[in-house]
Each structure stands twice: as C-alpha cells, then as structure tokens.
C-alpha cells in the first residue's frame, strides 16, 4: 500500500513538472513588434528564408494554425532543430502572417 502511494505521488509530481514546462512563456515565443509594413515585409522574407533553411528539410510549406498554437509548435521545434532564438522568432513571424 505504501509503495502505491509513493508511486502515485511520484507520477503526480512528474505530471505537474511536465505541465509546468509546457506552459507558454511569453518572452521566448513572442513575435517581434512591427512598426511599419516595410519592416514587416523584411521580417517575413527573412523568416521564410530561415524556414526554408531549417524547417523545410522535414516539413512541407507551412499550414495556417492559430498564432498561439504555432508559437508552441515553433518553440518545441526550436530544441529539436537547434535553431537560435532569433531564427525562432523570425520563423514564428513568417508562420503567423
């Protein structure tokens, strides 16, 4: 009985750690603020270039997902693809336009 309680407590602890780690962090996945259309176009083109360089090896053209979902996807893929934070932000900007 005691072993079951310990195992259950351990499982609940792991679940809470996973849930906390999966919470969005606004500072790491926030898309940059754009002030004018020329800057937005430059960032979109740069994001597309970085998507093609880093993501298109495994993924086809981007699908349209809600920005919050896309931020989560890009943040998780950042670790797997070992891209920089700036690359992640530009790809996120490209994917949400």
PDB file of N, CA and C in Angstrom:
ATOM      1  N   UNK A   1       0.818  -1.185   0.000  1.00  0.00           N
ATOM      2  CA  UNK A   1       0.000   0.000   0.000  1.00  0.00           C
ATOM      3  C   UNK A   1       0.866   1.254   0.000  1.00  0.00           C
ATOM      4  N   UNK A   2       1.921   1.272   0.856  1.00  0.00           N
ATOM      5  CA  UNK A   2       2.799   2.436   0.914  1.00  0.00           C
ATOM      6  C   UNK A   2       3.516   2.640  -0.418  1.00  0.00           C
ATOM      7  N   UNK A   3       3.900   1.553  -1.058  1.00  0.00           N
ATOM      8  CA  UNK A   3       4.577   1.654  -2.344  1.00  0.00           C
ATOM      9  C   UNK A   3       3.662   2.289  -3.385  1.00  0.00           C
ATOM     10  N   UNK A   4       2.391   1.920  -3.387  1.00  0.00           N
ATOM     11  CA  UNK A   4       1.429   2.515  -4.319  1.00  0.00           C
ATOM     12  C   UNK A   4       1.316   4.019  -4.105  1.00  0.00           C
ATOM     13  N   UNK A   5       1.280   4.455  -2.864  1.00  0.00           N
ATOM     14  CA  UNK A   5       1.174   5.881  -2.555  1.00  0.00           C
ATOM     15  C   UNK A   5       2.421   6.617  -3.035  1.00  0.00           C
ATOM     16  N   UNK A   6       3.578   6.036  -2.808  1.00  0.00           N
ATOM     17  CA  UNK A   6       4.831   6.651  -3.246  1.00  0.00           C
ATOM     18  C   UNK A   6       4.872   6.752  -4.766  1.00  0.00           C
ATOM     19  N   UNK A   7       4.489   5.678  -5.441  1.00  0.00           N
ATOM     20  CA  UNK A   7       4.486   5.676  -6.899  1.00  0.00           C
ATOM     21  C   UNK A   7       3.488   6.700  -7.431  1.00  0.00           C
ATOM     22  N   UNK A   8       2.312   6.748  -6.832  1.00  0.00           N
ATOM     23  CA  UNK A   8       1.298   7.704  -7.256  1.00  0.00           C
ATOM     24  C   UNK A   8       1.779   9.140  -7.040  1.00  0.00           C
ATOM     25  N   UNK A   9       2.397   9.397  -5.908  1.00  0.00           N
ATOM     26  CA  UNK A   9       2.933  10.732  -5.638  1.00  0.00           C
ATOM     27  C   UNK A   9       4.021  11.086  -6.646  1.00  0.00           C
ATOM     28  N   UNK A  10       4.860  10.147  -6.989  1.00  0.00           N
ATOM     29  CA  UNK A  10       5.913  10.383  -7.977  1.00  0.00           C
ATOM     30  C   UNK A  10       5.305  10.694  -9.342  1.00  0.00           C
ATOM     31  N   UNK A  11       4.302   9.930  -9.755  1.00  0.00           N
ATOM     32  CA  UNK A  11       3.640  10.156 -11.048  1.00  0.00           C
ATOM     33  C   UNK A  11       2.999  11.539 -11.076  1.00  0.00           C
ATOM     34  N   UNK A  12       2.315  11.914 -10.001  1.00  0.00           N
ATOM     35  CA  UNK A  12       1.698  13.240  -9.947  1.00  0.00           C
ATOM     36  C   UNK A  12       2.754  14.341  -9.998  1.00  0.00           C
ATOM     37  N   UNK A  13       3.878  14.121  -9.369  1.00  0.00           N
ATOM     38  CA  UNK A  13       4.968  15.092  -9.429  1.00  0.00           C
ATOM     39  C   UNK A  13       5.510  15.259 -10.837  1.00  0.00           C
ATOM     40  N   UNK A  14       5.690  14.147 -11.532  1.00  0.00           N
ATOM     41  CA  UNK A  14       6.167  14.194 -12.914  1.00  0.00           C
ATOM     42  C   UNK A  14       5.153  14.906 -13.798  1.00  0.00           C
ATOM     43  N   UNK A  15       3.885  14.609 -13.620  1.00  0.00           N
ATOM     44  CA  UNK A  15       2.840  15.250 -14.420  1.00  0.00           C
ATOM     45  C   UNK A  15       2.842  16.756 -14.186  1.00  0.00           C
ATOM     46  N   UNK A  16       2.983  17.176 -12.932  1.00  0.00           N
ATOM     47  CA  UNK A  16       2.986  18.616 -12.661  1.00  0.00           C
ATOM     48  C   UNK A  16       4.218  19.288 -13.247  1.00  0.00           C
ATOM     49  N   UNK A  17       5.359  18.613 -13.242  1.00  0.00           N
ATOM     50  CA  UNK A  17       6.556  19.178 -13.865  1.00  0.00           C
ATOM     51  C   UNK A  17       6.390  19.307 -15.374  1.00  0.00           C
ATOM     52  N   UNK A  18       5.815  18.305 -15.999  1.00  0.00           N
ATOM     53  CA  UNK A  18       5.584  18.345 -17.445  1.00  0.00           C
ATOM     54  C   UNK A  18       4.591  19.452 -17.783  1.00  0.00           C
ATOM     55  N   UNK A  19       3.536  19.575 -16.991  1.00  0.00           N
ATOM     56  CA  UNK A  19       2.536  20.623 -17.234  1.00  0.00           C
ATOM     57  C   UNK A  19       3.162  22.004 -17.077  1.00  0.00           C
ATOM     58  N   UNK A  20       3.997  22.197 -16.070  1.00  0.00           N
ATOM     59  CA  UNK A  20       4.642  23.492 -15.865  1.00  0.00           C
ATOM     60  C   UNK A  20       5.607  23.809 -17.000  1.00  0.00           C
ATOM     61  N   UNK A  21       6.314  22.808 -17.483  1.00  0.00           N
ATOM     62  CA  UNK A  21       7.268  23.021 -18.569  1.00  0.00           C
ATOM     63  C   UNK A  21       6.569  23.327 -19.884  1.00  0.00           C
ATOM     64  N   UNK A  22       5.337  22.846 -20.043  1.00  0.00           N
ATOM     65  CA  UNK A  22       4.637  23.070 -21.304  1.00  0.00           C
ATOM     66  C   UNK A  22       3.855  24.372 -21.328  1.00  0.00           C
ATOM     67  N   UNK A  23       3.838  25.122 -20.221  1.00  0.00           N
ATOM     68  CA  UNK A  23       3.142  26.408 -20.196  1.00  0.00           C
ATOM     69  C   UNK A  23       3.893  27.390 -21.080  1.00  0.00           C
ATOM     70  N   UNK A  24       3.165  28.167 -21.909  1.00  0.00           N
ATOM     71  CA  UNK A  24       3.830  29.118 -22.794  1.00  0.00           C
ATOM     72  C   UNK A  24       4.537  30.208 -22.014  1.00  0.00           C
ATOM     73  N   UNK A  25       5.707  30.523 -22.457  1.00  0.00           N
ATOM     74  CA  UNK A  25       6.485  31.618 -21.881  1.00  0.00           C
ATOM     75  C   UNK A  25       6.477  32.749 -22.890  1.00  0.00           C
ATOM     76  N   UNK A  26       5.842  33.820 -22.533  1.00  0.00           N
ATOM     77  CA  UNK A  26       5.654  34.907 -23.492  1.00  0.00           C
ATOM     78  C   UNK A  26       6.978  35.495 -23.966  1.00  0.00           C
ATOM     79  N   UNK A  27       8.008  35.499 -23.158  1.00  0.00           N
ATOM     80  CA  UNK A  27       9.270  36.100 -23.579  1.00  0.00           C
ATOM     81  C   UNK A  27      10.025  35.232 -24.580  1.00  0.00           C
ATOM     82  N   UNK A  28       9.817  33.918 -24.592  1.00  0.00           N
ATOM     83  CA  UNK A  28      10.571  33.072 -25.503  1.00  0.00           C
ATOM     84  C   UNK A  28       9.884  32.837 -26.826  1.00  0.00           C
ATOM     85  N   UNK A  29       8.577  33.006 -26.875  1.00  0.00           N
ATOM     86  CA  UNK A  29       7.873  32.709 -28.114  1.00  0.00           C
ATOM     87  C   UNK A  29       7.137  33.908 -28.673  1.00  0.00           C
ATOM     88  N   UNK A  30       7.392  35.060 -28.131  1.00  0.00           N
ATOM     89  CA  UNK A  30       6.680  36.242 -28.592  1.00  0.00           C
ATOM     90  C   UNK A  30       7.197  36.673 -29.955  1.00  0.00           C
ATOM     91  N   UNK A  31       6.263  36.974 -30.836  1.00  0.00           N
ATOM     92  CA  UNK A  31       6.633  37.504 -32.143  1.00  0.00           C
ATOM     93  C   UNK A  31       7.079  38.952 -31.964  1.00  0.00           C
ATOM     94  N   UNK A  32       8.063  39.391 -32.735  1.00  0.00           N
ATOM     95  CA  UNK A  32       8.543  40.762 -32.608  1.00  0.00           C
ATOM     96  C   UNK A  32       7.460  41.781 -32.964  1.00  0.00           C
ATOM     97  N   UNK A  33       7.549  42.944 -32.354  1.00  0.00           N
ATOM     98  CA  UNK A  33       6.620  44.034 -32.653  1.00  0.00           C
ATOM     99  C   UNK A  33       7.081  44.718 -33.925  1.00  0.00           C
ATOM    100  N   UNK A  34       6.156  44.919 -34.851  1.00  0.00           N
ATOM    101  CA  UNK A  34       6.481  45.525 -36.142  1.00  0.00           C
ATOM    102  C   UNK A  34       5.842  46.898 -36.210  1.00  0.00           C
ATOM    103  N   UNK A  35       6.633  47.883 -36.623  1.00  0.00           N
ATOM    104  CA  UNK A  35       6.134  49.251 -36.644  1.00  0.00           C
ATOM    105  C   UNK A  35       5.657  49.712 -38.016  1.00  0.00           C
ATOM    106  N   UNK A  36       6.192  49.151 -39.078  1.00  0.00           N
ATOM    107  CA  UNK A  36       5.747  49.575 -40.410  1.00  0.00           C
ATOM    108  C   UNK A  36       5.719  48.388 -41.368  1.00  0.00           C
ATOM    109  N   UNK A  37       5.077  48.606 -42.501  1.00  0.00           N
ATOM    110  CA  UNK A  37       4.890  47.499 -43.444  1.00  0.00           C
ATOM    111  C   UNK A  37       6.199  47.079 -44.108  1.00  0.00           C
ATOM    112  N   UNK A  38       7.133  47.999 -44.299  1.00  0.00           N
ATOM    113  CA  UNK A  38       8.422  47.632 -44.897  1.00  0.00           C
ATOM    114  C   UNK A  38       9.200  46.707 -43.962  1.00  0.00           C
ATOM    115  N   UNK A  39       9.173  47.032 -42.675  1.00  0.00           N
ATOM    116  CA  UNK A  39       9.850  46.192 -41.687  1.00  0.00           C
ATOM    117  C   UNK A  39       9.168  44.823 -41.620  1.00  0.00           C
ATOM    118  N   UNK A  40       7.826  44.804 -41.678  1.00  0.00           N
ATOM    119  CA  UNK A  40       7.090  43.546 -41.638  1.00  0.00           C
ATOM    120  C   UNK A  40       7.441  42.675 -42.836  1.00  0.00           C
ATOM    121  N   UNK A  41       7.531  43.285 -44.018  1.00  0.00           N
ATOM    122  CA  UNK A  41       7.871  42.521 -45.223  1.00  0.00           C
ATOM    123  C   UNK A  41       9.288  41.964 -45.133  1.00  0.00           C
ATOM    124  N   UNK A  42      10.219  42.755 -44.616  1.00  0.00           N
ATOM    125  CA  UNK A  42      11.597  42.289 -44.450  1.00  0.00           C
ATOM    126  C   UNK A  42      11.658  41.115 -43.475  1.00  0.00           C
ATOM    127  N   UNK A  43      10.937  41.231 -42.376  1.00  0.00           N
ATOM    128  CA  UNK A  43      10.932  40.151 -41.388  1.00  0.00           C
ATOM    129  C   UNK A  43      10.256  38.904 -41.945  1.00  0.00           C
ATOM    130  N   UNK A  44       9.192  39.077 -42.706  1.00  0.00           N
ATOM    131  CA  UNK A  44       8.511  37.927 -43.298  1.00  0.00           C
ATOM    132  C   UNK A  44       9.433  37.197 -44.265  1.00  0.00           C
ATOM    133  N   UNK A  45      10.136  37.963 -45.105  1.00  0.00           N
ATOM    134  CA  UNK A  45      11.071  37.348 -46.061  1.00  0.00           C
ATOM    135  C   UNK A  45      12.217  36.643 -45.345  1.00  0.00           C
ATOM    136  N   UNK A  46      12.738  37.273 -44.306  1.00  0.00           N
ATOM    137  CA  UNK A  46      13.823  36.658 -43.537  1.00  0.00           C
ATOM    138  C   UNK A  46      13.323  35.402 -42.818  1.00  0.00           C
ATOM    139  N   UNK A  47      12.118  35.455 -42.299  1.00  0.00           N
ATOM    140  CA  UNK A  47      11.528  34.285 -41.652  1.00  0.00           C
ATOM    141  C   UNK A  47      11.313  33.151 -42.633  1.00  0.00           C
ATOM    142  N   UNK A  48      10.859  33.490 -43.848  1.00  0.00           N
ATOM    143  CA  UNK A  48      10.670  32.461 -44.877  1.00  0.00           C
ATOM    144  C   UNK A  48      12.007  31.829 -45.259  1.00  0.00           C
ATOM    145  N   UNK A  49      13.033  32.670 -45.372  1.00  0.00           N
ATOM    146  CA  UNK A  49      14.364  32.154 -45.705  1.00  0.00           C
ATOM    147  C   UNK A  49      14.866  31.196 -44.618  1.00  0.00           C
ATOM    148  N   UNK A  50      14.659  31.570 -43.369  1.00  0.00           N
ATOM    149  CA  UNK A  50      15.117  30.715 -42.267  1.00  0.00           C
ATOM    150  C   UNK A  50      14.256  29.459 -42.143  1.00  0.00           C
ATOM    151  N   UNK A  51      12.965  29.572 -42.475  1.00  0.00           N
ATOM    152  CA  UNK A  51      12.117  28.375 -42.502  1.00  0.00           C
ATOM    153  C   UNK A  51      12.648  27.397 -43.538  1.00  0.00           C
ATOM    154  N   UNK A  52      12.945  27.895 -44.721  1.00  0.00           N
ATOM    155  CA  UNK A  52      13.436  27.021 -45.793  1.00  0.00           C
ATOM    156  C   UNK A  52      14.790  26.409 -45.426  1.00  0.00           C
ATOM    157  N   UNK A  53      15.640  27.169 -44.759  1.00  0.00           N
ATOM    158  CA  UNK A  53      16.969  26.669 -44.389  1.00  0.00           C
ATOM    159  C   UNK A  53      16.910  25.649 -43.253  1.00  0.00           C
ATOM    160  N   UNK A  54      15.986  25.831 -42.313  1.00  0.00           N
ATOM    161  CA  UNK A  54      15.976  24.989 -41.115  1.00  0.00           C
ATOM    162  C   UNK A  54      14.835  23.983 -41.049  1.00  0.00           C
ATOM    163  N   UNK A  55      13.671  24.347 -41.545  1.00  0.00           N
ATOM    164  CA  UNK A  55      12.467  23.539 -41.316  1.00  0.00           C
ATOM    165  C   UNK A  55      12.060  22.700 -42.522  1.00  0.00           C
ATOM    166  N   UNK A  56      12.343  23.211 -43.717  1.00  0.00           N
ATOM    167  CA  UNK A  56      11.825  22.540 -44.913  1.00  0.00           C
ATOM    168  C   UNK A  56      12.513  21.210 -45.200  1.00  0.00           C
ATOM    169  N   UNK A  57      13.582  20.904 -44.477  1.00  0.00           N
ATOM    170  CA  UNK A  57      14.206  19.587 -44.631  1.00  0.00           C
ATOM    171  C   UNK A  57      13.239  18.479 -44.247  1.00  0.00           C
ATOM    172  N   UNK A  58      12.388  18.772 -43.258  1.00  0.00           N
ATOM    173  CA  UNK A  58      11.451  17.765 -42.761  1.00  0.00           C
ATOM    174  C   UNK A  58       9.989  18.134 -43.001  1.00  0.00           C
ATOM    175  N   UNK A  59       9.702  19.410 -43.199  1.00  0.00           N
ATOM    176  CA  UNK A  59       8.320  19.870 -43.278  1.00  0.00           C
ATOM    177  C   UNK A  59       8.024  20.526 -44.618  1.00  0.00           C
ATOM    178  N   UNK A  60       6.803  20.327 -45.101  1.00  0.00           N
ATOM    179  CA  UNK A  60       6.335  20.978 -46.327  1.00  0.00           C
ATOM    180  C   UNK A  60       5.998  22.438 -46.005  1.00  0.00           C
ATOM    181  N   UNK A  61       5.431  23.127 -46.970  1.00  0.00           N
ATOM    182  CA  UNK A  61       5.034  24.518 -46.768  1.00  0.00           C
ATOM    183  C   UNK A  61       4.170  24.631 -45.513  1.00  0.00           C
ATOM    184  N   UNK A  62       4.279  25.732 -44.805  1.00  0.00           N
ATOM    185  CA  UNK A  62       3.585  25.848 -43.518  1.00  0.00           C
ATOM    186  C   UNK A  62       2.073  25.858 -43.657  1.00  0.00           C
ATOM    187  N   UNK A  63       1.431  25.219 -42.702  1.00  0.00           N
ATOM    188  CA  UNK A  63      -0.024  25.261 -42.598  1.00  0.00           C
ATOM    189  C   UNK A  63      -0.392  26.473 -41.762  1.00  0.00           C
ATOM    190  N   UNK A  64      -1.605  26.908 -41.887  1.00  0.00           N
ATOM    191  CA  UNK A  64      -2.070  28.024 -41.069  1.00  0.00           C
ATOM    192  C   UNK A  64      -2.697  27.487 -39.793  1.00  0.00           C
ATOM    193  N   UNK A  65      -2.065  27.776 -38.685  1.00  0.00           N
ATOM    194  CA  UNK A  65      -2.561  27.435 -37.367  1.00  0.00           C
ATOM    195  C   UNK A  65      -2.780  28.741 -36.611  1.00  0.00           C
ATOM    196  N   UNK A  66      -3.560  28.723 -35.547  1.00  0.00           N
ATOM    197  CA  UNK A  66      -3.689  29.929 -34.720  1.00  0.00           C
ATOM    198  C   UNK A  66      -2.318  30.324 -34.178  1.00  0.00           C
ATOM    199  N   UNK A  67      -2.053  31.628 -34.019  1.00  0.00           N
ATOM    200  CA  UNK A  67      -0.726  32.080 -33.564  1.00  0.00           C
ATOM    201  C   UNK A  67      -0.256  31.434 -32.264  1.00  0.00           C
ATOM    202  N   UNK A  68      -1.144  31.236 -31.303  1.00  0.00           N
ATOM    203  CA  UNK A  68      -0.736  30.640 -30.030  1.00  0.00           C
ATOM    204  C   UNK A  68      -0.274  29.196 -30.226  1.00  0.00           C
ATOM    205  N   UNK A  69      -0.992  28.440 -31.057  1.00  0.00           N
ATOM    206  CA  UNK A  69      -0.610  27.062 -31.337  1.00  0.00           C
ATOM    207  C   UNK A  69       0.715  27.034 -32.098  1.00  0.00           C
ATOM    208  N   UNK A  70       0.858  27.942 -33.060  1.00  0.00           N
ATOM    209  CA  UNK A  70       2.093  27.995 -33.843  1.00  0.00           C
ATOM    210  C   UNK A  70       3.291  28.341 -32.950  1.00  0.00           C
ATOM    211  N   UNK A  71       3.083  29.230 -31.978  1.00  0.00           N
ATOM    212  CA  UNK A  71       4.166  29.576 -31.054  1.00  0.00           C
ATOM    213  C   UNK A  71       4.626  28.358 -30.273  1.00  0.00           C
ATOM    214  N   UNK A  72       3.690  27.539 -29.842  1.00  0.00           N
ATOM    215  CA  UNK A  72       4.039  26.316 -29.112  1.00  0.00           C
ATOM    216  C   UNK A  72       4.794  25.351 -30.005  1.00  0.00           C
ATOM    217  N   UNK A  73       4.323  25.177 -31.237  1.00  0.00           N
ATOM    218  CA  UNK A  73       4.982  24.270 -32.181  1.00  0.00           C
ATOM    219  C   UNK A  73       6.405  24.731 -32.463  1.00  0.00           C
ATOM    220  N   UNK A  74       6.563  26.011 -32.767  1.00  0.00           N
ATOM    221  CA  UNK A  74       7.891  26.546 -33.102  1.00  0.00           C
ATOM    222  C   UNK A  74       8.825  26.450 -31.901  1.00  0.00           C
ATOM    223  N   UNK A  75       8.311  26.729 -30.706  1.00  0.00           N
ATOM    224  CA  UNK A  75       9.157  26.655 -29.507  1.00  0.00           C
ATOM    225  C   UNK A  75       9.656  25.230 -29.283  1.00  0.00           C
ATOM    226  N   UNK A  76       8.782  24.250 -29.478  1.00  0.00           N
ATOM    227  CA  UNK A  76       9.201  22.854 -29.302  1.00  0.00           C
ATOM    228  C   UNK A  76      10.169  22.430 -30.407  1.00  0.00           C
ATOM    229  N   UNK A  77       9.937  22.876 -31.606  1.00  0.00           N
ATOM    230  CA  UNK A  77      10.826  22.502 -32.706  1.00  0.00           C
ATOM    231  C   UNK A  77      12.173  23.208 -32.604  1.00  0.00           C
ATOM    232  N   UNK A  78      12.217  24.343 -31.921  1.00  0.00           N
ATOM    233  CA  UNK A  78      13.490  25.060 -31.739  1.00  0.00           C
ATOM    234  C   UNK A  78      14.525  24.151 -31.085  1.00  0.00           C
ATOM    235  N   UNK A  79      14.098  23.405 -30.108  1.00  0.00           N
ATOM    236  CA  UNK A  79      15.008  22.500 -29.401  1.00  0.00           C
ATOM    237  C   UNK A  79      15.451  21.367 -30.316  1.00  0.00           C
ATOM    238  N   UNK A  80      14.503  20.793 -31.045  1.00  0.00           N
ATOM    239  CA  UNK A  80      14.828  19.647 -31.906  1.00  0.00           C
ATOM    240  C   UNK A  80      15.700  20.047 -33.092  1.00  0.00           C
ATOM    241  N   UNK A  81      15.467  21.234 -33.634  1.00  0.00           N
ATOM    242  CA  UNK A  81      16.206  21.675 -34.824  1.00  0.00           C
ATOM    243  C   UNK A  81      17.449  22.486 -34.460  1.00  0.00           C
ATOM    244  N   UNK A  82      17.654  22.741 -33.194  1.00  0.00           N
ATOM    245  CA  UNK A  82      18.765  23.554 -32.686  1.00  0.00           C
ATOM    246  C   UNK A  82      18.917  24.859 -33.459  1.00  0.00           C
ATOM    247  N   UNK A  83      17.829  25.629 -33.514  1.00  0.00           N
ATOM    248  CA  UNK A  83      17.897  26.948 -34.143  1.00  0.00           C
ATOM    249  C   UNK A  83      18.014  28.010 -33.053  1.00  0.00           C
ATOM    250  N   UNK A  84      18.489  29.167 -33.432  1.00  0.00           N
ATOM    251  CA  UNK A  84      18.672  30.248 -32.467  1.00  0.00           C
ATOM    252  C   UNK A  84      17.332  30.862 -32.090  1.00  0.00           C
ATOM    253  N   UNK A  85      17.347  31.646 -31.037  1.00  0.00           N
ATOM    254  CA  UNK A  85      16.143  32.326 -30.589  1.00  0.00           C
ATOM    255  C   UNK A  85      15.661  33.317 -31.659  1.00  0.00           C
ATOM    256  N   UNK A  86      16.593  34.010 -32.289  1.00  0.00           N
ATOM    257  CA  UNK A  86      16.223  34.950 -33.353  1.00  0.00           C
ATOM    258  C   UNK A  86      15.602  34.214 -34.544  1.00  0.00           C
ATOM    259  N   UNK A  87      16.188  33.080 -34.926  1.00  0.00           N
ATOM    260  CA  UNK A  87      15.600  32.276 -36.001  1.00  0.00           C
ATOM    261  C   UNK A  87      14.179  31.863 -35.636  1.00  0.00           C
ATOM    262  N   UNK A  88      13.987  31.445 -34.391  1.00  0.00           N
ATOM    263  CA  UNK A  88      12.669  31.019 -33.946  1.00  0.00           C
ATOM    264  C   UNK A  88      11.664  32.161 -34.056  1.00  0.00           C
ATOM    265  N   UNK A  89      12.047  33.346 -33.640  1.00  0.00           N
ATOM    266  CA  UNK A  89      11.137  34.489 -33.699  1.00  0.00           C
ATOM    267  C   UNK A  89      10.787  34.860 -35.137  1.00  0.00           C
ATOM    268  N   UNK A  90      11.779  34.828 -36.022  1.00  0.00           N
ATOM    269  CA  UNK A  90      11.506  35.170 -37.416  1.00  0.00           C
ATOM    270  C   UNK A  90      10.639  34.108 -38.093  1.00  0.00           C
ATOM    271  N   UNK A  91      10.903  32.851 -37.807  1.00  0.00           N
ATOM    272  CA  UNK A  91      10.073  31.778 -38.366  1.00  0.00           C
ATOM    273  C   UNK A  91       8.654  31.903 -37.827  1.00  0.00           C
ATOM    274  N   UNK A  92       8.511  32.211 -36.552  1.00  0.00           N
ATOM    275  CA  UNK A  92       7.187  32.395 -35.976  1.00  0.00           C
ATOM    276  C   UNK A  92       6.460  33.565 -36.635  1.00  0.00           C
ATOM    277  N   UNK A  93       7.164  34.644 -36.884  1.00  0.00           N
ATOM    278  CA  UNK A  93       6.555  35.790 -37.567  1.00  0.00           C
ATOM    279  C   UNK A  93       6.083  35.382 -38.960  1.00  0.00           C
ATOM    280  N   UNK A  94       6.934  34.667 -39.685  1.00  0.00           N
ATOM    281  CA  UNK A  94       6.581  34.193 -41.026  1.00  0.00           C
ATOM    282  C   UNK A  94       5.377  33.265 -40.973  1.00  0.00           C
ATOM    283  N   UNK A  95       5.350  32.359 -40.025  1.00  0.00           N
ATOM    284  CA  UNK A  95       4.289  31.369 -39.953  1.00  0.00           C
ATOM    285  C   UNK A  95       2.948  31.956 -39.521  1.00  0.00           C
ATOM    286  N   UNK A  96       2.954  33.096 -38.862  1.00  0.00           N
ATOM    287  CA  UNK A  96       1.702  33.674 -38.372  1.00  0.00           C
ATOM    288  C   UNK A  96       1.215  34.826 -39.253  1.00  0.00           C
ATOM    289  N   UNK A  97       1.854  35.075 -40.362  1.00  0.00           N
ATOM    290  CA  UNK A  97       1.401  36.162 -41.260  1.00  0.00           C
ATOM    291  C   UNK A  97       0.451  35.649 -42.302  1.00  0.00           C
TER     292      UNK A  97
END
